[in-house]
């Protein structure tokens, strides 16, 4: 029987890991969307934005083969090793993505209010 996944040997490991990570994150966010719809209106959207920020905030790894990595991994590693610099350098991108998401959500909410006709 031929190897069904032999084509994966031609793809570099880093790109394969990024593709699996992004696909898994999008799958988790899609599932959380259905949970967030059942939550009260501001809490559901805010929880989705926080999960998005935790899963998809990027950072740069250190070392000779520095690559883009999720900030949550560096944050957890910083907590485990108790390195304050590592904690803050990975927390800042997560907080930035969350703040940007909350700002865009606020603008979207204002747009929706403006677009809906008032009933008086």
PDB file of N, CA and C in Angstrom:
ATOM      1  N   UNK A   1       0.842  -1.181   0.000  1.00  0.00           N
ATOM      2  CA  UNK A   1       0.000   0.000   0.000  1.00  0.00           C
ATOM      3  C   UNK A   1       0.889   1.247   0.000  1.00  0.00           C
ATOM      4  N   UNK A   2       0.685   2.144  -0.945  1.00  0.00           N
ATOM      5  CA  UNK A   2       1.523   3.341  -0.997  1.00  0.00           C
ATOM      6  C   UNK A   2       1.243   4.252   0.197  1.00  0.00           C
ATOM      7  N   UNK A   3       2.250   5.003   0.567  1.00  0.00           N
ATOM      8  CA  UNK A   3       2.126   5.936   1.685  1.00  0.00           C
ATOM      9  C   UNK A   3       1.233   7.103   1.263  1.00  0.00           C
ATOM     10  N   UNK A   4       0.115   7.277   1.953  1.00  0.00           N
ATOM     11  CA  UNK A   4      -0.853   8.311   1.578  1.00  0.00           C
ATOM     12  C   UNK A   4      -0.353   9.714   1.888  1.00  0.00           C
ATOM     13  N   UNK A   5       0.526   9.837   2.860  1.00  0.00           N
ATOM     14  CA  UNK A   5       1.000  11.155   3.269  1.00  0.00           C
ATOM     15  C   UNK A   5       2.439  11.409   2.850  1.00  0.00           C
ATOM     16  N   UNK A   6       2.891  10.779   1.793  1.00  0.00           N
ATOM     17  CA  UNK A   6       4.264  10.953   1.319  1.00  0.00           C
ATOM     18  C   UNK A   6       4.508  12.375   0.819  1.00  0.00           C
ATOM     19  N   UNK A   7       3.470  13.047   0.357  1.00  0.00           N
ATOM     20  CA  UNK A   7       3.641  14.414  -0.134  1.00  0.00           C
ATOM     21  C   UNK A   7       4.025  15.366   0.991  1.00  0.00           C
ATOM     22  N   UNK A   8       3.734  15.013   2.242  1.00  0.00           N
ATOM     23  CA  UNK A   8       4.099  15.875   3.370  1.00  0.00           C
ATOM     24  C   UNK A   8       5.604  15.919   3.599  1.00  0.00           C
ATOM     25  N   UNK A   9       6.329  14.925   3.086  1.00  0.00           N
ATOM     26  CA  UNK A   9       7.783  14.912   3.233  1.00  0.00           C
ATOM     27  C   UNK A   9       8.451  16.013   2.425  1.00  0.00           C
ATOM     28  N   UNK A  10       7.772  16.522   1.405  1.00  0.00           N
ATOM     29  CA  UNK A  10       8.349  17.572   0.572  1.00  0.00           C
ATOM     30  C   UNK A  10       8.153  18.961   1.161  1.00  0.00           C
ATOM     31  N   UNK A  11       7.265  19.104   2.145  1.00  0.00           N
ATOM     32  CA  UNK A  11       6.980  20.403   2.759  1.00  0.00           C
ATOM     33  C   UNK A  11       7.898  20.585   3.963  1.00  0.00           C
ATOM     34  N   UNK A  12       8.569  21.743   4.070  1.00  0.00           N
ATOM     35  CA  UNK A  12       9.419  21.981   5.247  1.00  0.00           C
ATOM     36  C   UNK A  12       8.595  21.923   6.545  1.00  0.00           C
ATOM     37  N   UNK A  13       9.212  21.431   7.607  1.00  0.00           N
ATOM     38  CA  UNK A  13       8.498  21.221   8.874  1.00  0.00           C
ATOM     39  C   UNK A  13       7.902  22.505   9.431  1.00  0.00           C
ATOM     40  N   UNK A  14       8.634  23.612   9.299  1.00  0.00           N
ATOM     41  CA  UNK A  14       8.151  24.876   9.859  1.00  0.00           C
ATOM     42  C   UNK A  14       6.831  25.285   9.203  1.00  0.00           C
ATOM     43  N   UNK A  15       6.762  25.202   7.895  1.00  0.00           N
ATOM     44  CA  UNK A  15       5.544  25.614   7.190  1.00  0.00           C
ATOM     45  C   UNK A  15       4.390  24.657   7.458  1.00  0.00           C
ATOM     46  N   UNK A  16       4.696  23.409   7.612  1.00  0.00           N
ATOM     47  CA  UNK A  16       3.669  22.433   7.956  1.00  0.00           C
ATOM     48  C   UNK A  16       3.126  22.702   9.358  1.00  0.00           C
ATOM     49  N   UNK A  17       4.019  23.013  10.295  1.00  0.00           N
ATOM     50  CA  UNK A  17       3.589  23.320  11.671  1.00  0.00           C
ATOM     51  C   UNK A  17       2.737  24.584  11.707  1.00  0.00           C
ATOM     52  N   UNK A  18       3.121  25.605  10.953  1.00  0.00           N
ATOM     53  CA  UNK A  18       2.334  26.846  10.900  1.00  0.00           C
ATOM     54  C   UNK A  18       0.966  26.582  10.300  1.00  0.00           C
ATOM     55  N   UNK A  19       0.901  25.796   9.237  1.00  0.00           N
ATOM     56  CA  UNK A  19      -0.385  25.487   8.607  1.00  0.00           C
ATOM     57  C   UNK A  19      -1.301  24.721   9.555  1.00  0.00           C
ATOM     58  N   UNK A  20      -0.759  23.745  10.260  1.00  0.00           N
ATOM     59  CA  UNK A  20      -1.574  22.984  11.212  1.00  0.00           C
ATOM     60  C   UNK A  20      -2.019  23.875  12.358  1.00  0.00           C
ATOM     61  N   UNK A  21      -1.116  24.733  12.843  1.00  0.00           N
ATOM     62  CA  UNK A  21      -1.448  25.649  13.936  1.00  0.00           C
ATOM     63  C   UNK A  21      -2.551  26.629  13.521  1.00  0.00           C
ATOM     64  N   UNK A  22      -2.418  27.228  12.352  1.00  0.00           N
ATOM     65  CA  UNK A  22      -3.438  28.172  11.889  1.00  0.00           C
ATOM     66  C   UNK A  22      -4.771  27.475  11.628  1.00  0.00           C
ATOM     67  N   UNK A  23      -4.723  26.307  11.019  1.00  0.00           N
ATOM     68  CA  UNK A  23      -5.958  25.555  10.779  1.00  0.00           C
ATOM     69  C   UNK A  23      -6.638  25.154  12.075  1.00  0.00           C
ATOM     70  N   UNK A  24      -5.862  24.695  13.039  1.00  0.00           N
ATOM     71  CA  UNK A  24      -6.435  24.330  14.335  1.00  0.00           C
ATOM     72  C   UNK A  24      -7.000  25.529  15.070  1.00  0.00           C
ATOM     73  N   UNK A  25      -6.303  26.665  14.986  1.00  0.00           N
ATOM     74  CA  UNK A  25      -6.797  27.881  15.644  1.00  0.00           C
ATOM     75  C   UNK A  25      -8.097  28.349  15.011  1.00  0.00           C
ATOM     76  N   UNK A  26      -8.162  28.312  13.695  1.00  0.00           N
ATOM     77  CA  UNK A  26      -9.398  28.719  13.022  1.00  0.00           C
ATOM     78  C   UNK A  26     -10.547  27.772  13.359  1.00  0.00           C
ATOM     79  N   UNK A  27     -10.251  26.493  13.494  1.00  0.00           N
ATOM     80  CA  UNK A  27     -11.270  25.521  13.876  1.00  0.00           C
ATOM     81  C   UNK A  27     -11.781  25.796  15.290  1.00  0.00           C
ATOM     82  N   UNK A  28     -10.881  26.081  16.216  1.00  0.00           N
ATOM     83  CA  UNK A  28     -11.273  26.400  17.598  1.00  0.00           C
ATOM     84  C   UNK A  28     -12.093  27.682  17.636  1.00  0.00           C
ATOM     85  N   UNK A  29     -11.675  28.699  16.869  1.00  0.00           N
ATOM     86  CA  UNK A  29     -12.439  29.951  16.836  1.00  0.00           C
ATOM     87  C   UNK A  29     -13.826  29.744  16.220  1.00  0.00           C
ATOM     88  N   UNK A  30     -13.930  28.892  15.220  1.00  0.00           N
ATOM     89  CA  UNK A  30     -15.226  28.591  14.609  1.00  0.00           C
ATOM     90  C   UNK A  30     -16.138  27.897  15.616  1.00  0.00           C
ATOM     91  N   UNK A  31     -15.588  26.957  16.376  1.00  0.00           N
ATOM     92  CA  UNK A  31     -16.387  26.288  17.407  1.00  0.00           C
ATOM     93  C   UNK A  31     -16.790  27.252  18.515  1.00  0.00           C
ATOM     94  N   UNK A  32     -15.857  28.126  18.898  1.00  0.00           N
ATOM     95  CA  UNK A  32     -16.175  29.083  19.965  1.00  0.00           C
ATOM     96  C   UNK A  32     -17.227  30.086  19.508  1.00  0.00           C
ATOM     97  N   UNK A  33     -17.314  30.345  18.212  1.00  0.00           N
ATOM     98  CA  UNK A  33     -18.332  31.254  17.682  1.00  0.00           C
ATOM     99  C   UNK A  33     -19.730  30.767  18.055  1.00  0.00           C
ATOM    100  N   UNK A  34     -19.951  29.466  17.977  1.00  0.00           N
ATOM    101  CA  UNK A  34     -21.269  28.931  18.315  1.00  0.00           C
ATOM    102  C   UNK A  34     -21.544  29.012  19.808  1.00  0.00           C
ATOM    103  N   UNK A  35     -20.514  28.886  20.626  1.00  0.00           N
ATOM    104  CA  UNK A  35     -20.685  29.058  22.071  1.00  0.00           C
ATOM    105  C   UNK A  35     -20.918  30.525  22.396  1.00  0.00           C
ATOM    106  N   UNK A  36     -20.176  31.417  21.753  1.00  0.00           N
ATOM    107  CA  UNK A  36     -20.279  32.846  22.034  1.00  0.00           C
ATOM    108  C   UNK A  36     -21.644  33.398  21.641  1.00  0.00           C
ATOM    109  N   UNK A  37     -22.272  32.806  20.634  1.00  0.00           N
ATOM    110  CA  UNK A  37     -23.613  33.271  20.246  1.00  0.00           C
ATOM    111  C   UNK A  37     -24.630  33.038  21.347  1.00  0.00           C
ATOM    112  N   UNK A  38     -24.416  32.009  22.172  1.00  0.00           N
ATOM    113  CA  UNK A  38     -25.352  31.705  23.256  1.00  0.00           C
ATOM    114  C   UNK A  38     -25.110  32.578  24.480  1.00  0.00           C
ATOM    115  N   UNK A  39     -23.951  33.218  24.561  1.00  0.00           N
ATOM    116  CA  UNK A  39     -23.639  34.084  25.701  1.00  0.00           C
ATOM    117  C   UNK A  39     -24.314  35.438  25.512  1.00  0.00           C
ATOM    118  N   UNK A  40     -24.458  36.210  26.591  1.00  0.00           N
ATOM    119  CA  UNK A  40     -25.008  37.577  26.434  1.00  0.00           C
ATOM    120  C   UNK A  40     -24.168  38.381  25.446  1.00  0.00           C
ATOM    121  N   UNK A  41     -24.803  39.333  24.790  1.00  0.00           N
ATOM    122  CA  UNK A  41     -24.203  39.999  23.633  1.00  0.00           C
ATOM    123  C   UNK A  41     -22.791  40.552  23.856  1.00  0.00           C
ATOM    124  N   UNK A  42     -22.527  41.395  24.835  1.00  0.00           N
ATOM    125  CA  UNK A  42     -21.142  41.893  24.884  1.00  0.00           C
ATOM    126  C   UNK A  42     -20.144  40.829  25.351  1.00  0.00           C
ATOM    127  N   UNK A  43     -20.564  39.904  26.198  1.00  0.00           N
ATOM    128  CA  UNK A  43     -19.648  38.902  26.745  1.00  0.00           C
ATOM    129  C   UNK A  43     -19.221  37.921  25.657  1.00  0.00           C
ATOM    130  N   UNK A  44     -20.142  37.522  24.794  1.00  0.00           N
ATOM    131  CA  UNK A  44     -19.814  36.577  23.729  1.00  0.00           C
ATOM    132  C   UNK A  44     -18.776  37.120  22.768  1.00  0.00           C
ATOM    133  N   UNK A  45     -18.971  38.335  22.321  1.00  0.00           N
ATOM    134  CA  UNK A  45     -18.014  38.949  21.400  1.00  0.00           C
ATOM    135  C   UNK A  45     -16.664  39.204  22.051  1.00  0.00           C
ATOM    136  N   UNK A  46     -16.694  39.635  23.305  1.00  0.00           N
ATOM    137  CA  UNK A  46     -15.443  39.892  24.010  1.00  0.00           C
ATOM    138  C   UNK A  46     -14.665  38.601  24.250  1.00  0.00           C
ATOM    139  N   UNK A  47     -15.375  37.519  24.566  1.00  0.00           N
ATOM    140  CA  UNK A  47     -14.680  36.248  24.788  1.00  0.00           C
ATOM    141  C   UNK A  47     -14.066  35.740  23.487  1.00  0.00           C
ATOM    142  N   UNK A  48     -14.749  35.962  22.362  1.00  0.00           N
ATOM    143  CA  UNK A  48     -14.205  35.537  21.073  1.00  0.00           C
ATOM    144  C   UNK A  48     -12.946  36.334  20.748  1.00  0.00           C
ATOM    145  N   UNK A  49     -12.965  37.631  21.011  1.00  0.00           N
ATOM    146  CA  UNK A  49     -11.791  38.469  20.745  1.00  0.00           C
ATOM    147  C   UNK A  49     -10.627  38.058  21.634  1.00  0.00           C
ATOM    148  N   UNK A  50     -10.890  37.775  22.909  1.00  0.00           N
ATOM    149  CA  UNK A  50      -9.820  37.344  23.809  1.00  0.00           C
ATOM    150  C   UNK A  50      -9.226  36.011  23.367  1.00  0.00           C
ATOM    151  N   UNK A  51     -10.067  35.085  22.965  1.00  0.00           N
ATOM    152  CA  UNK A  51      -9.567  33.796  22.485  1.00  0.00           C
ATOM    153  C   UNK A  51      -8.747  33.980  21.203  1.00  0.00           C
ATOM    154  N   UNK A  52      -9.215  34.841  20.315  1.00  0.00           N
ATOM    155  CA  UNK A  52      -8.480  35.160  19.095  1.00  0.00           C
ATOM    156  C   UNK A  52      -7.107  35.726  19.435  1.00  0.00           C
ATOM    157  N   UNK A  53      -7.062  36.672  20.392  1.00  0.00           N
ATOM    158  CA  UNK A  53      -5.789  37.281  20.775  1.00  0.00           C
ATOM    159  C   UNK A  53      -4.859  36.257  21.404  1.00  0.00           C
ATOM    160  N   UNK A  54      -5.395  35.369  22.226  1.00  0.00           N
ATOM    161  CA  UNK A  54      -4.548  34.358  22.862  1.00  0.00           C
ATOM    162  C   UNK A  54      -3.988  33.373  21.845  1.00  0.00           C
ATOM    163  N   UNK A  55      -4.812  32.964  20.901  1.00  0.00           N
ATOM    164  CA  UNK A  55      -4.380  31.945  19.946  1.00  0.00           C
ATOM    165  C   UNK A  55      -3.502  32.494  18.819  1.00  0.00           C
ATOM    166  N   UNK A  56      -3.793  33.674  18.336  1.00  0.00           N
ATOM    167  CA  UNK A  56      -3.177  34.118  17.079  1.00  0.00           C
ATOM    168  C   UNK A  56      -2.253  35.320  17.195  1.00  0.00           C
ATOM    169  N   UNK A  57      -1.914  35.763  18.401  1.00  0.00           N
ATOM    170  CA  UNK A  57      -0.945  36.859  18.529  1.00  0.00           C
ATOM    171  C   UNK A  57       0.448  36.331  18.222  1.00  0.00           C
ATOM    172  N   UNK A  58       1.153  36.971  17.299  1.00  0.00           N
ATOM    173  CA  UNK A  58       2.478  36.463  16.934  1.00  0.00           C
ATOM    174  C   UNK A  58       3.586  37.087  17.779  1.00  0.00           C
ATOM    175  N   UNK A  59       4.693  36.410  17.836  1.00  0.00           N
ATOM    176  CA  UNK A  59       5.926  36.925  18.415  1.00  0.00           C
ATOM    177  C   UNK A  59       7.089  36.300  17.649  1.00  0.00           C
ATOM    178  N   UNK A  60       8.288  36.774  17.914  1.00  0.00           N
ATOM    179  CA  UNK A  60       9.480  36.252  17.262  1.00  0.00           C
ATOM    180  C   UNK A  60      10.267  35.440  18.285  1.00  0.00           C
ATOM    181  N   UNK A  61      10.644  34.223  17.919  1.00  0.00           N
ATOM    182  CA  UNK A  61      11.448  33.403  18.824  1.00  0.00           C
ATOM    183  C   UNK A  61      12.883  33.906  18.822  1.00  0.00           C
ATOM    184  N   UNK A  62      13.613  33.548  19.857  1.00  0.00           N
ATOM    185  CA  UNK A  62      15.000  33.972  19.960  1.00  0.00           C
ATOM    186  C   UNK A  62      15.918  32.878  19.442  1.00  0.00           C
ATOM    187  N   UNK A  63      17.149  33.240  19.195  1.00  0.00           N
ATOM    188  CA  UNK A  63      18.133  32.258  18.773  1.00  0.00           C
ATOM    189  C   UNK A  63      18.565  32.444  17.338  1.00  0.00           C
ATOM    190  N   UNK A  64      19.397  31.528  16.864  1.00  0.00           N
ATOM    191  CA  UNK A  64      19.947  31.642  15.513  1.00  0.00           C
ATOM    192  C   UNK A  64      18.909  31.328  14.443  1.00  0.00           C
ATOM    193  N   UNK A  65      17.936  30.493  14.754  1.00  0.00           N
ATOM    194  CA  UNK A  65      16.893  30.167  13.768  1.00  0.00           C
ATOM    195  C   UNK A  65      15.565  30.790  14.199  1.00  0.00           C
ATOM    196  N   UNK A  66      15.577  32.112  14.450  1.00  0.00           N
ATOM    197  CA  UNK A  66      14.389  32.822  14.911  1.00  0.00           C
ATOM    198  C   UNK A  66      13.292  32.756  13.859  1.00  0.00           C
ATOM    199  N   UNK A  67      12.083  32.433  14.306  1.00  0.00           N
ATOM    200  CA  UNK A  67      10.917  32.319  13.427  1.00  0.00           C
ATOM    201  C   UNK A  67       9.729  32.971  14.129  1.00  0.00           C
ATOM    202  N   UNK A  68       8.636  33.111  13.403  1.00  0.00           N
ATOM    203  CA  UNK A  68       7.392  33.605  13.988  1.00  0.00           C
ATOM    204  C   UNK A  68       6.739  32.461  14.755  1.00  0.00           C
ATOM    205  N   UNK A  69       6.282  32.774  15.960  1.00  0.00           N
ATOM    206  CA  UNK A  69       5.648  31.764  16.814  1.00  0.00           C
ATOM    207  C   UNK A  69       4.477  32.413  17.543  1.00  0.00           C
ATOM    208  N   UNK A  70       3.555  31.624  18.081  1.00  0.00           N
ATOM    209  CA  UNK A  70       2.458  32.203  18.856  1.00  0.00           C
ATOM    210  C   UNK A  70       2.973  32.759  20.181  1.00  0.00           C
ATOM    211  N   UNK A  71       2.476  33.931  20.570  1.00  0.00           N
ATOM    212  CA  UNK A  71       2.933  34.583  21.791  1.00  0.00           C
ATOM    213  C   UNK A  71       2.514  33.816  23.038  1.00  0.00           C
ATOM    214  N   UNK A  72       1.442  33.056  22.978  1.00  0.00           N
ATOM    215  CA  UNK A  72       0.972  32.333  24.152  1.00  0.00           C
ATOM    216  C   UNK A  72       1.990  31.280  24.589  1.00  0.00           C
ATOM    217  N   UNK A  73       2.719  30.700  23.640  1.00  0.00           N
ATOM    218  CA  UNK A  73       3.737  29.700  23.981  1.00  0.00           C
ATOM    219  C   UNK A  73       4.884  30.367  24.744  1.00  0.00           C
ATOM    220  N   UNK A  74       5.336  31.507  24.259  1.00  0.00           N
ATOM    221  CA  UNK A  74       6.386  32.238  24.958  1.00  0.00           C
ATOM    222  C   UNK A  74       5.929  32.734  26.317  1.00  0.00           C
ATOM    223  N   UNK A  75       4.657  33.123  26.412  1.00  0.00           N
ATOM    224  CA  UNK A  75       4.108  33.576  27.690  1.00  0.00           C
ATOM    225  C   UNK A  75       4.084  32.437  28.698  1.00  0.00           C
ATOM    226  N   UNK A  76       3.635  31.279  28.284  1.00  0.00           N
ATOM    227  CA  UNK A  76       3.617  30.127  29.195  1.00  0.00           C
ATOM    228  C   UNK A  76       5.040  29.726  29.588  1.00  0.00           C
ATOM    229  N   UNK A  77       5.980  29.763  28.639  1.00  0.00           N
ATOM    230  CA  UNK A  77       7.361  29.450  28.945  1.00  0.00           C
ATOM    231  C   UNK A  77       7.938  30.465  29.930  1.00  0.00           C
ATOM    232  N   UNK A  78       7.572  31.731  29.765  1.00  0.00           N
ATOM    233  CA  UNK A  78       8.026  32.766  30.698  1.00  0.00           C
ATOM    234  C   UNK A  78       7.495  32.542  32.105  1.00  0.00           C
ATOM    235  N   UNK A  79       6.248  32.113  32.218  1.00  0.00           N
ATOM    236  CA  UNK A  79       5.693  31.806  33.535  1.00  0.00           C
ATOM    237  C   UNK A  79       6.383  30.595  34.161  1.00  0.00           C
ATOM    238  N   UNK A  80       6.668  29.582  33.344  1.00  0.00           N
ATOM    239  CA  UNK A  80       7.322  28.377  33.869  1.00  0.00           C
ATOM    240  C   UNK A  80       8.747  28.646  34.338  1.00  0.00           C
ATOM    241  N   UNK A  81       9.470  29.491  33.609  1.00  0.00           N
ATOM    242  CA  UNK A  81      10.857  29.787  33.975  1.00  0.00           C
ATOM    243  C   UNK A  81      10.975  31.023  34.847  1.00  0.00           C
ATOM    244  N   UNK A  82       9.878  31.716  35.106  1.00  0.00           N
ATOM    245  CA  UNK A  82       9.821  32.915  35.942  1.00  0.00           C
ATOM    246  C   UNK A  82      10.745  34.015  35.413  1.00  0.00           C
ATOM    247  N   UNK A  83      10.748  34.189  34.100  1.00  0.00           N
ATOM    248  CA  UNK A  83      11.510  35.261  33.466  1.00  0.00           C
ATOM    249  C   UNK A  83      10.570  36.409  33.143  1.00  0.00           C
ATOM    250  N   UNK A  84      10.707  37.498  33.876  1.00  0.00           N
ATOM    251  CA  UNK A  84       9.808  38.649  33.723  1.00  0.00           C
ATOM    252  C   UNK A  84       9.898  39.258  32.321  1.00  0.00           C
ATOM    253  N   UNK A  85      11.106  39.341  31.786  1.00  0.00           N
ATOM    254  CA  UNK A  85      11.270  39.918  30.447  1.00  0.00           C
ATOM    255  C   UNK A  85      10.516  39.096  29.402  1.00  0.00           C
ATOM    256  N   UNK A  86      10.600  37.805  29.500  1.00  0.00           N
ATOM    257  CA  UNK A  86       9.913  36.928  28.546  1.00  0.00           C
ATOM    258  C   UNK A  86       8.404  37.029  28.700  1.00  0.00           C
ATOM    259  N   UNK A  87       7.934  37.160  29.928  1.00  0.00           N
ATOM    260  CA  UNK A  87       6.495  37.304  30.168  1.00  0.00           C
ATOM    261  C   UNK A  87       5.983  38.583  29.520  1.00  0.00           C
ATOM    262  N   UNK A  88       6.646  39.698  29.791  1.00  0.00           N
ATOM    263  CA  UNK A  88       6.175  40.979  29.261  1.00  0.00           C
ATOM    264  C   UNK A  88       6.324  41.079  27.753  1.00  0.00           C
ATOM    265  N   UNK A  89       7.409  40.534  27.216  1.00  0.00           N
ATOM    266  CA  UNK A  89       7.610  40.639  25.764  1.00  0.00           C
ATOM    267  C   UNK A  89       6.604  39.786  24.996  1.00  0.00           C
ATOM    268  N   UNK A  90       5.991  38.810  25.635  1.00  0.00           N
ATOM    269  CA  UNK A  90       4.958  38.014  24.973  1.00  0.00           C
ATOM    270  C   UNK A  90       3.554  38.450  25.354  1.00  0.00           C
ATOM    271  N   UNK A  91       3.409  39.134  26.477  1.00  0.00           N
ATOM    272  CA  UNK A  91       2.092  39.626  26.880  1.00  0.00           C
ATOM    273  C   UNK A  91       1.691  40.868  26.087  1.00  0.00           C
ATOM    274  N   UNK A  92       2.663  41.689  25.735  1.00  0.00           N
ATOM    275  CA  UNK A  92       2.371  42.929  25.005  1.00  0.00           C
ATOM    276  C   UNK A  92       1.691  42.658  23.657  1.00  0.00           C
ATOM    277  N   UNK A  93       2.170  41.726  22.813  1.00  0.00           N
ATOM    278  CA  UNK A  93       1.448  41.481  21.556  1.00  0.00           C
ATOM    279  C   UNK A  93       0.020  40.958  21.771  1.00  0.00           C
ATOM    280  N   UNK A  94      -0.170  40.135  22.799  1.00  0.00           N
ATOM    281  CA  UNK A  94      -1.510  39.620  23.083  1.00  0.00           C
ATOM    282  C   UNK A  94      -2.434  40.763  23.478  1.00  0.00           C
ATOM    283  N   UNK A  95      -1.969  41.645  24.353  1.00  0.00           N
ATOM    284  CA  UNK A  95      -2.785  42.785  24.774  1.00  0.00           C
ATOM    285  C   UNK A  95      -3.044  43.750  23.623  1.00  0.00           C
ATOM    286  N   UNK A  96      -2.063  43.917  22.738  1.00  0.00           N
ATOM    287  CA  UNK A  96      -2.254  44.789  21.584  1.00  0.00           C
ATOM    288  C   UNK A  96      -3.324  44.237  20.645  1.00  0.00           C
ATOM    289  N   UNK A  97      -3.258  42.953  20.354  1.00  0.00           N
ATOM    290  CA  UNK A  97      -4.255  42.341  19.466  1.00  0.00           C
ATOM    291  C   UNK A  97      -5.639  42.397  20.110  1.00  0.00           C
ATOM    292  N   UNK A  98      -5.729  42.165  21.427  1.00  0.00           N
ATOM    293  CA  UNK A  98      -7.011  42.244  22.113  1.00  0.00           C
ATOM    294  C   UNK A  98      -7.554  43.673  22.071  1.00  0.00           C
ATOM    295  N   UNK A  99      -6.696  44.665  22.336  1.00  0.00           N
ATOM    296  CA  UNK A  99      -7.141  46.064  22.308  1.00  0.00           C
ATOM    297  C   UNK A  99      -7.593  46.464  20.905  1.00  0.00           C
ATOM    298  N   UNK A 100      -6.862  46.041  19.902  1.00  0.00           N
ATOM    299  CA  UNK A 100      -7.261  46.329  18.521  1.00  0.00           C
ATOM    300  C   UNK A 100      -8.595  45.673  18.194  1.00  0.00           C
ATOM    301  N   UNK A 101      -8.795  44.438  18.649  1.00  0.00           N
ATOM    302  CA  UNK A 101     -10.066  43.754  18.425  1.00  0.00           C
ATOM    303  C   UNK A 101     -11.225  44.437  19.137  1.00  0.00           C
ATOM    304  N   UNK A 102     -10.988  44.877  20.372  1.00  0.00           N
ATOM    305  CA  UNK A 102     -12.047  45.588  21.097  1.00  0.00           C
ATOM    306  C   UNK A 102     -12.379  46.911  20.420  1.00  0.00           C
ATOM    307  N   UNK A 103     -11.360  47.609  19.912  1.00  0.00           N
ATOM    308  CA  UNK A 103     -11.600  48.875  19.217  1.00  0.00           C
ATOM    309  C   UNK A 103     -12.392  48.648  17.936  1.00  0.00           C
ATOM    310  N   UNK A 104     -12.014  47.639  17.163  1.00  0.00           N
ATOM    311  CA  UNK A 104     -12.758  47.333  15.936  1.00  0.00           C
ATOM    312  C   UNK A 104     -14.184  46.878  16.251  1.00  0.00           C
ATOM    313  N   UNK A 105     -14.351  46.128  17.351  1.00  0.00           N
ATOM    314  CA  UNK A 105     -15.689  45.735  17.776  1.00  0.00           C
ATOM    315  C   UNK A 105     -16.539  46.924  18.172  1.00  0.00           C
ATOM    316  N   UNK A 106     -15.922  47.900  18.841  1.00  0.00           N
ATOM    317  CA  UNK A 106     -16.632  49.129  19.204  1.00  0.00           C
ATOM    318  C   UNK A 106     -17.071  49.888  17.960  1.00  0.00           C
ATOM    319  N   UNK A 107     -16.161  50.018  16.994  1.00  0.00           N
ATOM    320  CA  UNK A 107     -16.523  50.706  15.755  1.00  0.00           C
ATOM    321  C   UNK A 107     -17.626  49.962  15.009  1.00  0.00           C
ATOM    322  N   UNK A 108     -17.560  48.634  14.991  1.00  0.00           N
ATOM    323  CA  UNK A 108     -18.591  47.842  14.324  1.00  0.00           C
ATOM    324  C   UNK A 108     -19.934  48.019  15.028  1.00  0.00           C
ATOM    325  N   UNK A 109     -19.940  48.071  16.352  1.00  0.00           N
ATOM    326  CA  UNK A 109     -21.161  48.275  17.114  1.00  0.00           C
ATOM    327  C   UNK A 109     -21.767  49.646  16.820  1.00  0.00           C
ATOM    328  N   UNK A 110     -20.931  50.672  16.756  1.00  0.00           N
ATOM    329  CA  UNK A 110     -21.422  52.017  16.429  1.00  0.00           C
ATOM    330  C   UNK A 110     -21.971  52.063  15.005  1.00  0.00           C
ATOM    331  N   UNK A 111     -21.334  51.365  14.086  1.00  0.00           N
ATOM    332  CA  UNK A 111     -21.818  51.312  12.714  1.00  0.00           C
ATOM    333  C   UNK A 111     -23.185  50.632  12.654  1.00  0.00           C
ATOM    334  N   UNK A 112     -23.336  49.534  13.391  1.00  0.00           N
ATOM    335  CA  UNK A 112     -24.616  48.818  13.423  1.00  0.00           C
ATOM    336  C   UNK A 112     -25.713  49.700  14.012  1.00  0.00           C
ATOM    337  N   UNK A 113     -25.407  50.471  15.060  1.00  0.00           N
ATOM    338  CA  UNK A 113     -26.391  51.383  15.643  1.00  0.00           C
ATOM    339  C   UNK A 113     -26.792  52.470  14.667  1.00  0.00           C
ATOM    340  N   UNK A 114     -25.821  52.990  13.925  1.00  0.00           N
ATOM    341  CA  UNK A 114     -26.083  54.041  12.947  1.00  0.00           C
ATOM    342  C   UNK A 114     -26.920  53.526  11.784  1.00  0.00           C
ATOM    343  N   UNK A 115     -26.666  52.293  11.373  1.00  0.00           N
ATOM    344  CA  UNK A 115     -27.340  51.714  10.211  1.00  0.00           C
ATOM    345  C   UNK A 115     -28.779  51.313  10.497  1.00  0.00           C
ATOM    346  N   UNK A 116     -29.055  50.907  11.746  1.00  0.00           N
ATOM    347  CA  UNK A 116     -30.409  50.478  12.083  1.00  0.00           C
ATOM    348  C   UNK A 116     -31.335  51.700  12.180  1.00  0.00           C
ATOM    349  N   UNK A 117     -32.526  51.605  11.598  1.00  0.00           N
ATOM    350  CA  UNK A 117     -33.455  52.736  11.710  1.00  0.00           C
ATOM    351  C   UNK A 117     -34.019  52.816  13.136  1.00  0.00           C
ATOM    352  N   UNK A 118     -34.192  54.025  13.603  1.00  0.00           N
ATOM    353  CA  UNK A 118     -34.746  54.219  14.941  1.00  0.00           C
ATOM    354  C   UNK A 118     -36.267  54.094  14.876  1.00  0.00           C
ATOM    355  N   UNK A 119     -36.856  53.454  15.870  1.00  0.00           N
ATOM    356  CA  UNK A 119     -38.305  53.297  15.928  1.00  0.00           C
ATOM    357  C   UNK A 119     -38.829  54.205  17.026  1.00  0.00           C
ATOM    358  N   UNK A 120     -39.479  55.271  16.618  1.00  0.00           N
ATOM    359  CA  UNK A 120     -40.033  56.222  17.585  1.00  0.00           C
ATOM    360  C   UNK A 120     -41.502  56.389  17.364  1.00  0.00           C
TER     361      UNK A 120
END
